Amino acid sequence: RKVLELQTADLGMRFASANNGQTAIAMLRNEYQKNDPFDLLLLDHQMPNMTGVDLLQRIRDDHKVNKNIKTIILTGLDINIDDDLLHKENICSVLNKPISSIQLRNQLLKAIEQ
């Protein structure tokens, strides 16, 4: 997480971290209600009690968060996410860990430019 925090700070991005999906949703709701919603999520596919895709589906069903948030999913697994689901859930990319700093930086920049 510290590496991600440093990389996002270098790009001038705001960084927040959650230990699980429920905490992430609470953070998203809080920022949305303050009229300062997050624009990009960087999610680990494997989280306690749900996957990154499960969390995205909960976000899309929640009327108190930014539904248009762009997402990058990090995974240590060999997962295959259907193209329709990628588009529906606004997933910009699925990146396999470990990921180099340069690769992550490029994907973050690409996502925010979309």
C-alpha atoms as a PDB file:
ATOM      1  CA  ARG A   1       0.000   0.000   0.000  1.00  0.00           C
ATOM      2  CA  LYS A   2       2.833   2.380   0.773  1.00  0.00           C
ATOM      3  CA  VAL A   3       4.210   1.985  -2.770  1.00  0.00           C
ATOM      4  CA  LEU A   4       0.764   2.734  -4.219  1.00  0.00           C
ATOM      5  CA  GLU A   5       0.420   5.750  -1.964  1.00  0.00           C
ATOM      6  CA  LEU A   6       3.786   7.117  -3.101  1.00  0.00           C
ATOM      7  CA  GLN A   7       3.061   6.507  -6.767  1.00  0.00           C
ATOM      8  CA  THR A   8      -0.322   8.186  -6.663  1.00  0.00           C
ATOM      9  CA  ALA A   9       1.129  11.129  -4.711  1.00  0.00           C
ATOM     10  CA  ASP A  10       3.797  11.540  -7.407  1.00  0.00           C
ATOM     11  CA  LEU A  11       0.977  11.895  -9.939  1.00  0.00           C
ATOM     12  CA  GLY A  12      -0.840  14.444  -7.789  1.00  0.00           C
ATOM     13  CA  MET A  13      -3.632  12.009  -6.958  1.00  0.00           C
ATOM     14  CA  ARG A  14      -5.477  11.738  -3.673  1.00  0.00           C
ATOM     15  CA  PHE A  15      -4.936   8.343  -2.041  1.00  0.00           C
ATOM     16  CA  ALA A  16      -7.107   6.468   0.432  1.00  0.00           C
ATOM     17  CA  SER A  17      -6.887   2.858   1.504  1.00  0.00           C
ATOM     18  CA  ALA A  18      -9.464   0.426   2.896  1.00  0.00           C
ATOM     19  CA  ASN A  19      -8.896  -2.985   4.475  1.00  0.00           C
ATOM     20  CA  ASN A  20     -12.079  -4.504   3.045  1.00  0.00           C
ATOM     21  CA  GLY A  21     -15.016  -3.877   0.732  1.00  0.00           C
ATOM     22  CA  GLN A  22     -17.387  -2.628   3.419  1.00  0.00           C
ATOM     23  CA  THR A  23     -14.898   0.013   4.521  1.00  0.00           C
ATOM     24  CA  ALA A  24     -14.283   0.984   0.898  1.00  0.00           C
ATOM     25  CA  ILE A  25     -18.001   1.535   0.283  1.00  0.00           C
ATOM     26  CA  ALA A  26     -18.253   3.630   3.452  1.00  0.00           C
ATOM     27  CA  MET A  27     -15.328   5.780   2.276  1.00  0.00           C
ATOM     28  CA  LEU A  28     -16.846   6.178  -1.193  1.00  0.00           C
ATOM     29  CA  ARG A  29     -20.195   7.203   0.304  1.00  0.00           C
ATOM     30  CA  ASN A  30     -18.561   9.704   2.633  1.00  0.00           C
ATOM     31  CA  GLU A  31     -16.620  11.420  -0.160  1.00  0.00           C
ATOM     32  CA  TYR A  32     -19.647  11.399  -2.463  1.00  0.00           C
ATOM     33  CA  GLN A  33     -21.806  13.030   0.201  1.00  0.00           C
ATOM     34  CA  LYS A  34     -19.114  15.708   0.682  1.00  0.00           C
ATOM     35  CA  ASN A  35     -19.388  16.340  -3.084  1.00  0.00           C
ATOM     36  CA  ASP A  36     -15.785  15.216  -3.543  1.00  0.00           C
ATOM     37  CA  PRO A  37     -16.137  11.714  -5.029  1.00  0.00           C
ATOM     38  CA  PHE A  38     -13.203   9.561  -5.998  1.00  0.00           C
ATOM     39  CA  ASP A  39     -12.604   9.320  -9.752  1.00  0.00           C
ATOM     40  CA  LEU A  40     -10.520   6.144  -9.809  1.00  0.00           C
ATOM     41  CA  LEU A  41     -10.438   2.906  -7.819  1.00  0.00           C
ATOM     42  CA  LEU A  42      -7.435   0.642  -7.636  1.00  0.00           C
ATOM     43  CA  LEU A  43      -8.828  -2.637  -6.304  1.00  0.00           C
ATOM     44  CA  ASP A  44      -7.246  -5.892  -5.306  1.00  0.00           C
ATOM     45  CA  HIS A  45      -9.282  -8.719  -6.801  1.00  0.00           C
ATOM     46  CA  GLN A  46      -8.929 -10.810  -3.646  1.00  0.00           C
ATOM     47  CA  MET A  47     -10.294  -9.079  -0.565  1.00  0.00           C
ATOM     48  CA  PRO A  48     -11.780 -10.367   2.661  1.00  0.00           C
ATOM     49  CA  ASN A  49     -15.388 -11.510   2.113  1.00  0.00           C
ATOM     50  CA  MET A  50     -15.660 -10.433  -1.560  1.00  0.00           C
ATOM     51  CA  THR A  51     -13.796 -10.007  -4.831  1.00  0.00           C
ATOM     52  CA  GLY A  52     -13.007  -6.725  -6.539  1.00  0.00           C
ATOM     53  CA  VAL A  53     -15.770  -7.416  -9.072  1.00  0.00           C
ATOM     54  CA  ASP A  54     -18.236  -8.127  -6.233  1.00  0.00           C
ATOM     55  CA  LEU A  55     -17.332  -4.762  -4.723  1.00  0.00           C
ATOM     56  CA  LEU A  56     -17.844  -3.006  -8.050  1.00  0.00           C
ATOM     57  CA  GLN A  57     -21.270  -4.541  -8.424  1.00  0.00           C
ATOM     58  CA  ARG A  58     -22.203  -3.324  -4.932  1.00  0.00           C
ATOM     59  CA  ILE A  59     -20.928   0.139  -5.807  1.00  0.00           C
ATOM     60  CA  ARG A  60     -23.041   0.237  -8.975  1.00  0.00           C
ATOM     61  CA  ASP A  61     -26.118  -0.742  -6.950  1.00  0.00           C
ATOM     62  CA  ASP A  62     -25.484   1.944  -4.307  1.00  0.00           C
ATOM     63  CA  HIS A  63     -27.132   5.303  -5.033  1.00  0.00           C
ATOM     64  CA  LYS A  64     -24.849   7.089  -2.531  1.00  0.00           C
ATOM     65  CA  VAL A  65     -21.569   6.668  -4.460  1.00  0.00           C
ATOM     66  CA  ASN A  66     -20.083   7.766  -7.785  1.00  0.00           C
ATOM     67  CA  LYS A  67     -21.300   5.103 -10.210  1.00  0.00           C
ATOM     68  CA  ASN A  68     -19.028   6.372 -12.997  1.00  0.00           C
ATOM     69  CA  ILE A  69     -15.830   5.708 -11.093  1.00  0.00           C
ATOM     70  CA  LYS A  70     -13.077   4.214 -13.231  1.00  0.00           C
ATOM     71  CA  THR A  71     -11.409   1.083 -11.933  1.00  0.00           C
ATOM     72  CA  ILE A  72      -8.150  -0.789 -12.200  1.00  0.00           C
ATOM     73  CA  ILE A  73      -8.083  -4.290 -10.725  1.00  0.00           C
ATOM     74  CA  LEU A  74      -4.877  -5.829  -9.397  1.00  0.00           C
ATOM     75  CA  THR A  75      -4.683  -9.594  -9.094  1.00  0.00           C
ATOM     76  CA  GLY A  76      -2.225 -12.313  -8.268  1.00  0.00           C
ATOM     77  CA  LEU A  77      -4.526 -14.841  -9.924  1.00  0.00           C
ATOM     78  CA  ASP A  78      -4.958 -15.778 -13.546  1.00  0.00           C
ATOM     79  CA  ILE A  79      -8.460 -14.367 -13.936  1.00  0.00           C
ATOM     80  CA  ASN A  80     -10.400 -13.706 -17.072  1.00  0.00           C
ATOM     81  CA  ILE A  81     -13.039 -10.992 -16.913  1.00  0.00           C
ATOM     82  CA  ASP A  82     -15.567 -10.952 -19.724  1.00  0.00           C
ATOM     83  CA  ASP A  83     -15.341  -7.894 -22.036  1.00  0.00           C
ATOM     84  CA  ASP A  84     -18.994  -7.027 -21.396  1.00  0.00           C
ATOM     85  CA  LEU A  85     -18.358  -6.987 -17.648  1.00  0.00           C
ATOM     86  CA  LEU A  86     -15.236  -4.844 -18.146  1.00  0.00           C
ATOM     87  CA  HIS A  87     -17.307  -2.279 -20.002  1.00  0.00           C
ATOM     88  CA  LYS A  88     -20.354  -2.498 -17.709  1.00  0.00           C
ATOM     89  CA  GLU A  89     -18.280  -2.054 -14.537  1.00  0.00           C
ATOM     90  CA  ASN A  90     -16.042   0.660 -16.070  1.00  0.00           C
ATOM     91  CA  ILE A  91     -12.901  -1.441 -15.543  1.00  0.00           C
ATOM     92  CA  CYS A  92     -10.027   0.231 -17.373  1.00  0.00           C
ATOM     93  CA  SER A  93      -7.595  -2.649 -16.909  1.00  0.00           C
ATOM     94  CA  VAL A  94      -6.819  -5.837 -15.020  1.00  0.00           C
ATOM     95  CA  LEU A  95      -3.177  -5.991 -13.971  1.00  0.00           C
ATOM     96  CA  ASN A  96      -1.315  -9.045 -12.753  1.00  0.00           C
ATOM     97  CA  LYS A  97       0.867  -8.700  -9.664  1.00  0.00           C
ATOM     98  CA  PRO A  98       3.662  -8.129  -9.201  1.00  0.00           C
ATOM     99  CA  ILE A  99       3.464  -4.977 -11.280  1.00  0.00           C
ATOM    100  CA  SER A 100       6.345  -2.643 -11.993  1.00  0.00           C
ATOM    101  CA  SER A 101       6.210   0.986 -10.925  1.00  0.00           C
ATOM    102  CA  ILE A 102       6.405   2.090 -14.546  1.00  0.00           C
ATOM    103  CA  GLN A 103       3.578  -0.198 -15.634  1.00  0.00           C
ATOM    104  CA  LEU A 104       1.352   0.948 -12.776  1.00  0.00           C
ATOM    105  CA  ARG A 105       2.125   4.605 -13.469  1.00  0.00           C
ATOM    106  CA  ASN A 106       1.257   4.155 -17.163  1.00  0.00           C
ATOM    107  CA  GLN A 107      -2.030   2.423 -16.338  1.00  0.00           C
ATOM    108  CA  LEU A 108      -3.000   5.095 -13.802  1.00  0.00           C
ATOM    109  CA  LEU A 109      -2.319   7.837 -16.329  1.00  0.00           C
ATOM    110  CA  LYS A 110      -4.199   5.976 -19.041  1.00  0.00           C
ATOM    111  CA  ALA A 111      -7.216   5.486 -16.768  1.00  0.00           C
ATOM    112  CA  ILE A 112      -7.473   9.113 -15.712  1.00  0.00           C
ATOM    113  CA  GLU A 113      -7.159  10.294 -19.319  1.00  0.00           C
ATOM    114  CA  GLN A 114     -10.077   8.107 -20.483  1.00  0.00           C
END
